[in-house]
């Protein structure tokens, strides 16, 4: 084997990871984990994610393969609970911002997915921005606008953009410039189209909408990191994650959820029954009072109850 190198994980599948060397021109290597067990990743559905930095050894034969020897310390991790594998799944690592992508139509606006994605951003300590793509198709639906305005009210930045027409894309470019961004959204919302709009000629495969069910088809089957050339002087990267139909947050218990929803957190522990309040039936519940007063949106409250119930299930703890 040749000398050790530092590398950036670009993508991975079936325990084979594409690693880009961070010196000597940035050559890419197809690497396996030495010994098949990597220290520090026990318990995860997948051991590495795009954005991870690793120590690896290229094969002496010079055939573009190598072995991953170790994982460098992570700043943060974007995860979700993989219900099929019954384990947390790594989506991206060392991220500066998470872009929660939705659409007003085609597929339909799904604010409860956004609620879950935003919770995961709060858990990871990664700033989150809502990107409403395909805004050229918007019909000024008052329900959509009400929810977007409510997300703004509670402190989240919202961008209304169209990868197709270019509407809002200058603001999108400014947002991602000199950052590592992770795109998070359901199938069909146009995550790959947003990357294509930033990299002319890249043409990442874009999926069509399933007309019967009005939802997207899975075209991105694994997370991958894309370098965005010519945008910023310190490196701009976007990690495109697979479309997720059902997002279950990972990293907290149901009782801790209240601390990770911005307008709920200040009320934690203030109910008559304190931290033991279920926020469903108890008299003196400050969360229910806030919903009745319009401080907490009714849909956000419903999301809170659903997520909390899922997190209290033993398999998700």
Protein backbone atom coordinates (compact mmCIF):
# COMPACT_ATOMS: atom_id res chain seq x y z
CA UNK A 1 0.00 0.00 0.00
CA UNK A 2 1.07 3.62 -0.56
CA UNK A 3 1.10 6.42 2.03
CA UNK A 4 -1.98 7.57 3.94
CA UNK A 5 -4.16 10.35 2.49
CA UNK A 6 -6.96 12.62 3.67
CA UNK A 7 -10.12 12.36 1.60
CA UNK A 8 -13.68 13.63 1.28
CA UNK A 9 -16.51 11.09 0.92
CA UNK A 10 -18.52 11.91 -2.21
CA UNK A 11 -21.01 9.03 -2.16
CA UNK A 12 -21.33 5.43 -1.08
CA UNK A 13 -23.30 2.28 -1.78
CA UNK A 14 -23.06 -1.28 -0.50
CA UNK A 15 -20.06 -0.33 1.64
CA UNK A 16 -18.05 0.97 -1.33
CA UNK A 17 -17.34 4.69 -1.01
CA UNK A 18 -16.07 7.19 -3.55
CA UNK A 19 -13.39 9.24 -1.78
CA UNK A 20 -11.86 12.37 -3.30
CA UNK A 21 -8.27 12.99 -2.28
CA UNK A 22 -7.85 16.47 -0.85
CA UNK A 23 -4.32 16.82 -2.15
CA UNK A 24 -2.54 16.23 -5.46
CA UNK A 25 -5.29 17.24 -7.85
CA UNK A 26 -8.24 15.65 -6.09
CA UNK A 27 -8.28 12.20 -7.70
CA UNK A 28 -11.19 9.92 -6.78
CA UNK A 29 -10.84 6.41 -5.39
CA UNK A 30 -13.33 3.61 -4.86
CA UNK A 31 -12.68 2.52 -1.29
CA UNK A 32 -13.76 -0.17 1.13
CA UNK A 33 -13.45 0.04 4.89
CA UNK A 34 -10.41 -1.78 6.18
CA UNK A 35 -11.61 -4.67 8.31
CA UNK A 36 -15.24 -3.72 7.38
CA UNK A 37 -15.71 -2.05 10.80
CA UNK A 38 -15.04 1.67 11.29
CA UNK A 39 -14.58 2.98 14.82
CA UNK A 40 -17.17 5.57 15.87
CA UNK A 41 -20.01 4.58 13.53
CA UNK A 42 -21.47 1.68 15.46
CA UNK A 43 -25.26 1.40 15.40
CA UNK A 44 -25.86 3.32 12.18
CA UNK A 45 -27.63 1.92 9.11
CA UNK A 46 -24.69 3.14 7.01
CA UNK A 47 -21.19 3.93 8.36
CA UNK A 48 -20.33 7.00 6.25
CA UNK A 49 -22.10 9.85 4.48
CA UNK A 50 -21.17 12.45 1.87
CA UNK A 51 -19.25 15.23 3.58
CA UNK A 52 -17.36 12.87 5.87
CA UNK A 53 -13.58 13.21 5.92
CA UNK A 54 -11.58 10.02 6.18
CA UNK A 55 -8.02 8.75 6.22
CA UNK A 56 -7.46 6.28 3.40
CA UNK A 57 -4.71 4.39 1.59
CA UNK A 58 -4.77 4.08 -2.21
CA UNK A 59 -3.86 0.63 -3.49
CA UNK A 60 -0.24 0.34 -4.57
CA UNK A 61 -1.34 -1.08 -7.90
CA UNK A 62 -2.64 2.35 -8.88
CA UNK A 63 -5.99 0.99 -10.03
CA UNK A 64 -8.09 3.73 -8.39
CA UNK A 65 -9.12 1.63 -5.37
CA UNK A 66 -8.17 1.92 -1.72
CA UNK A 67 -8.95 1.20 1.90
CA UNK A 68 -10.53 3.58 4.42
CA UNK A 69 -8.51 3.45 7.64
CA UNK A 70 -10.28 5.92 9.87
CA UNK A 71 -12.87 8.67 10.26
CA UNK A 72 -11.90 12.26 11.09
CA UNK A 73 -13.96 14.09 13.77
CA UNK A 74 -17.32 15.36 12.52
CA UNK A 75 -18.73 18.85 13.10
CA UNK A 76 -22.28 17.54 12.78
CA UNK A 77 -24.45 14.83 11.25
CA UNK A 78 -27.75 15.03 9.40
CA UNK A 79 -29.68 11.82 10.05
CA UNK A 80 -33.11 10.27 10.08
CA UNK A 81 -34.53 7.08 11.56
CA UNK A 82 -34.65 4.38 8.88
CA UNK A 83 -37.75 2.35 9.70
CA UNK A 84 -36.92 -0.44 7.25
CA UNK A 85 -33.52 -0.98 8.80
CA UNK A 86 -34.68 -0.02 12.31
CA UNK A 87 -31.55 2.11 12.74
CA UNK A 88 -30.46 5.72 12.29
CA UNK A 89 -29.37 6.53 8.74
CA UNK A 90 -26.63 9.03 7.91
CA UNK A 91 -27.67 11.49 5.18
CA UNK A 92 -24.85 14.06 5.26
CA UNK A 93 -21.92 15.12 7.43
CA UNK A 94 -20.12 18.37 8.21
CA UNK A 95 -22.94 20.52 6.85
CA UNK A 96 -23.25 24.32 7.14
CA UNK A 97 -26.93 24.58 6.23
CA UNK A 98 -29.85 22.24 5.52
CA UNK A 99 -32.21 23.22 2.71
CA UNK A 100 -35.70 21.83 3.31
CA UNK A 101 -37.22 21.66 -0.16
CA UNK A 102 -40.97 21.68 -0.83
CA UNK A 103 -43.35 22.65 -3.64
CA UNK A 104 -46.71 24.46 -3.74
CA UNK A 105 -48.04 21.81 -6.17
CA UNK A 106 -46.77 18.83 -8.20
CA UNK A 107 -46.26 17.19 -5.73
CA UNK A 108 -48.66 18.85 -3.29
CA UNK A 109 -47.40 21.11 -0.51
CA UNK A 110 -46.66 18.99 2.56
CA UNK A 111 -45.87 21.23 5.53
CA UNK A 112 -45.78 18.35 7.99
CA UNK A 113 -42.74 16.95 6.17
CA UNK A 114 -41.15 20.37 6.62
CA UNK A 115 -41.96 20.26 10.34
CA UNK A 116 -40.05 16.97 10.62
CA UNK A 117 -37.10 18.14 8.55
CA UNK A 118 -36.84 21.33 10.61
CA UNK A 119 -36.87 19.31 13.82
CA UNK A 120 -33.97 17.22 12.52
CA UNK A 121 -32.04 20.38 11.67
CA UNK A 122 -32.58 21.65 15.21
CA UNK A 123 -31.44 18.31 16.65
CA UNK A 124 -28.26 18.42 14.55
CA UNK A 125 -27.64 22.08 15.34
CA UNK A 126 -27.61 22.92 11.63
CA UNK A 127 -29.35 26.13 10.45
CA UNK A 128 -32.32 25.30 8.20
CA UNK A 129 -33.92 27.25 5.36
CA UNK A 130 -37.18 26.38 3.58
CA UNK A 131 -36.91 26.34 -0.22
CA UNK A 132 -40.30 26.41 -1.98
CA UNK A 133 -39.34 25.23 -5.48
CA UNK A 134 -41.57 25.20 -8.60
CA UNK A 135 -43.02 28.50 -7.45
CA UNK A 136 -43.85 29.26 -11.08
CA UNK A 137 -46.66 26.69 -10.66
CA UNK A 138 -48.05 28.41 -7.57
CA UNK A 139 -51.67 29.45 -7.80
CA UNK A 140 -51.45 31.75 -4.77
CA UNK A 141 -53.06 29.07 -2.64
CA UNK A 142 -53.92 30.84 0.64
CA UNK A 143 -53.26 27.69 2.68
CA UNK A 144 -49.73 27.37 1.23
CA UNK A 145 -48.98 31.04 1.77
CA UNK A 146 -50.33 30.95 5.31
CA UNK A 147 -48.02 28.12 6.28
CA UNK A 148 -44.98 29.68 4.58
CA UNK A 149 -45.69 32.93 6.38
CA UNK A 150 -46.01 31.06 9.68
CA UNK A 151 -42.61 29.43 9.15
CA UNK A 152 -41.21 32.93 8.61
CA UNK A 153 -43.00 34.16 11.75
CA UNK A 154 -41.33 31.56 13.96
CA UNK A 155 -37.90 32.44 12.60
CA UNK A 156 -37.15 30.33 9.52
CA UNK A 157 -35.94 31.89 6.28
CA UNK A 158 -38.18 31.00 3.33
CA UNK A 159 -37.11 31.26 -0.31
CA UNK A 160 -39.65 31.02 -3.13
CA UNK A 161 -37.78 29.82 -6.23
CA UNK A 162 -38.14 28.09 -9.58
CA UNK A 163 -35.26 26.05 -10.95
CA UNK A 164 -37.13 26.02 -14.26
CA UNK A 165 -37.71 29.76 -14.78
CA UNK A 166 -34.88 31.12 -12.63
CA UNK A 167 -37.20 32.95 -10.23
CA UNK A 168 -35.44 33.48 -6.91
CA UNK A 169 -32.32 31.60 -8.03
CA UNK A 170 -29.98 34.55 -7.42
CA UNK A 171 -30.99 34.49 -3.75
CA UNK A 172 -30.53 30.70 -3.77
CA UNK A 173 -27.00 31.04 -5.17
CA UNK A 174 -26.12 33.63 -2.55
CA UNK A 175 -27.46 31.32 0.15
CA UNK A 176 -25.32 28.31 -0.80
CA UNK A 177 -22.17 30.18 -1.79
CA UNK A 178 -19.06 29.12 0.17
CA UNK A 179 -21.09 26.61 2.17
CA UNK A 180 -21.71 22.88 2.38
CA UNK A 181 -25.48 22.57 1.94
CA UNK A 182 -27.67 19.49 2.25
CA UNK A 183 -30.90 19.24 0.25
CA UNK A 184 -33.68 17.47 2.12
CA UNK A 185 -37.10 16.82 0.63
CA UNK A 186 -39.61 14.34 -0.69
CA UNK A 187 -39.37 12.80 -4.15
CA UNK A 188 -40.41 15.09 -6.98
CA UNK A 189 -39.80 18.46 -5.30
CA UNK A 190 -36.91 19.23 -7.65
CA UNK A 191 -33.78 18.84 -5.54
CA UNK A 192 -31.76 17.58 -8.50
CA UNK A 193 -33.19 20.37 -10.69
CA UNK A 194 -31.87 22.93 -8.22
CA UNK A 195 -28.37 21.42 -8.49
CA UNK A 196 -28.63 21.33 -12.28
CA UNK A 197 -29.52 25.02 -12.28
CA UNK A 198 -26.30 25.78 -10.42
CA UNK A 199 -24.07 23.59 -12.61
CA UNK A 200 -24.83 24.16 -16.33
CA UNK A 201 -24.35 20.96 -18.28
CA UNK A 202 -24.33 18.71 -15.22
CA UNK A 203 -27.78 17.29 -16.02
CA UNK A 204 -28.37 15.08 -13.00
CA UNK A 205 -31.26 12.77 -13.86
CA UNK A 206 -34.60 14.34 -12.91
CA UNK A 207 -37.65 12.23 -12.12
CA UNK A 208 -41.16 12.68 -13.43
CA UNK A 209 -44.24 12.99 -11.26
CA UNK A 210 -46.38 9.90 -10.85
CA UNK A 211 -49.70 11.28 -12.07
CA UNK A 212 -51.79 8.61 -10.37
CA UNK A 213 -50.45 9.43 -6.91
CA UNK A 214 -49.17 12.98 -7.63
CA UNK A 215 -45.79 12.22 -6.12
CA UNK A 216 -42.27 11.97 -7.42
CA UNK A 217 -40.34 8.89 -8.44
CA UNK A 218 -37.02 8.12 -6.74
CA UNK A 219 -34.19 9.19 -9.06
CA UNK A 220 -31.60 9.95 -6.37
CA UNK A 221 -31.16 6.62 -4.59
CA UNK A 222 -28.22 7.62 -2.40
CA UNK A 223 -26.82 10.86 -1.02
CA UNK A 224 -24.00 12.37 -3.07
CA UNK A 225 -21.85 15.48 -2.81
CA UNK A 226 -21.60 17.84 -5.76
CA UNK A 227 -18.95 20.57 -6.01
CA UNK A 228 -20.35 23.78 -7.48
CA UNK A 229 -17.57 25.38 -9.56
CA UNK A 230 -17.27 29.13 -9.96
CA UNK A 231 -19.49 29.94 -6.97
CA UNK A 232 -17.46 31.48 -4.16
CA UNK A 233 -13.76 31.37 -3.43
CA UNK A 234 -13.65 28.93 -0.51
CA UNK A 235 -15.61 26.03 -1.96
CA UNK A 236 -19.33 25.52 -2.54
CA UNK A 237 -20.77 22.02 -2.15
CA UNK A 238 -24.29 20.63 -2.22
CA UNK A 239 -25.26 17.22 -0.88
CA UNK A 240 -28.34 15.87 -2.62
CA UNK A 241 -30.15 13.31 -0.47
CA UNK A 242 -32.64 10.65 -1.64
CA UNK A 243 -36.31 11.59 -1.72
CA UNK A 244 -37.95 10.52 1.54
CA UNK A 245 -41.69 9.86 1.73
CA UNK A 246 -41.87 9.46 5.50
CA UNK A 247 -39.35 11.23 7.70
CA UNK A 248 -38.97 10.08 11.29
CA UNK A 249 -36.57 12.31 13.27
CA UNK A 250 -33.65 10.69 15.08
CA UNK A 251 -31.61 11.62 18.11
CA UNK A 252 -34.21 12.62 20.71
CA UNK A 253 -37.00 11.05 22.73
CA UNK A 254 -40.66 11.99 22.47
CA UNK A 255 -40.44 13.90 25.75
CA UNK A 256 -37.54 15.97 24.41
CA UNK A 257 -39.30 17.00 21.19
CA UNK A 258 -40.76 20.17 22.71
CA UNK A 259 -37.25 21.63 22.95
CA UNK A 260 -36.68 21.26 19.18
CA UNK A 261 -39.74 23.10 17.87
CA UNK A 262 -38.97 26.81 18.10
CA UNK A 263 -42.27 28.24 19.26
CA UNK A 264 -42.88 25.33 21.64
CA UNK A 265 -39.50 25.44 23.42
CA UNK A 266 -40.12 28.56 25.57
CA UNK A 267 -43.19 26.84 27.06
CA UNK A 268 -41.38 23.64 28.12
CA UNK A 269 -42.06 22.83 31.75
CA UNK A 270 -44.54 25.70 32.27
CA UNK A 271 -47.72 23.59 32.18
CA UNK A 272 -49.59 22.90 35.41
CA UNK A 273 -48.28 19.32 35.29
CA UNK A 274 -44.79 20.46 34.31
CA UNK A 275 -42.68 18.18 32.13
CA UNK A 276 -45.11 15.27 32.68
CA UNK A 277 -47.83 17.05 30.66
CA UNK A 278 -48.77 15.19 27.47
CA UNK A 279 -50.16 18.43 25.95
CA UNK A 280 -53.33 16.61 24.91
CA UNK A 281 -55.97 16.70 27.67
CA UNK A 282 -54.47 18.21 30.82
CA UNK A 283 -55.93 21.42 32.29
CA UNK A 284 -53.40 24.24 32.48
CA UNK A 285 -51.45 23.04 29.43
CA UNK A 286 -49.57 26.07 28.10
CA UNK A 287 -49.07 24.42 24.69
CA UNK A 288 -52.83 24.01 24.14
CA UNK A 289 -53.39 27.56 25.40
CA UNK A 290 -50.82 28.82 22.88
CA UNK A 291 -52.62 26.94 20.08
CA UNK A 292 -55.95 28.49 21.09
CA UNK A 293 -54.31 31.93 21.17
CA UNK A 294 -52.75 31.49 17.70
CA UNK A 295 -49.19 31.57 19.03
CA UNK A 296 -48.74 27.99 17.80
CA UNK A 297 -50.29 27.07 14.44
CA UNK A 298 -52.85 24.25 14.65
CA UNK A 299 -51.00 22.24 11.98
CA UNK A 300 -47.70 22.59 13.85
CA UNK A 301 -49.45 21.34 16.99
CA UNK A 302 -50.79 18.34 15.07
CA UNK A 303 -47.26 17.64 13.77
CA UNK A 304 -45.95 17.85 17.32
CA UNK A 305 -48.45 15.26 18.55
CA UNK A 306 -47.76 12.87 15.66
CA UNK A 307 -43.97 13.10 15.89
CA UNK A 308 -44.07 12.76 19.67
CA UNK A 309 -46.22 9.62 19.43
CA UNK A 310 -43.81 8.08 16.91
CA UNK A 311 -40.77 8.89 19.02
CA UNK A 312 -42.39 7.33 22.07
CA UNK A 313 -42.67 4.01 20.21
CA UNK A 314 -40.01 1.65 21.63
CA UNK A 315 -38.50 0.90 18.19
CA UNK A 316 -37.74 4.57 17.61
CA UNK A 317 -36.08 5.35 20.92
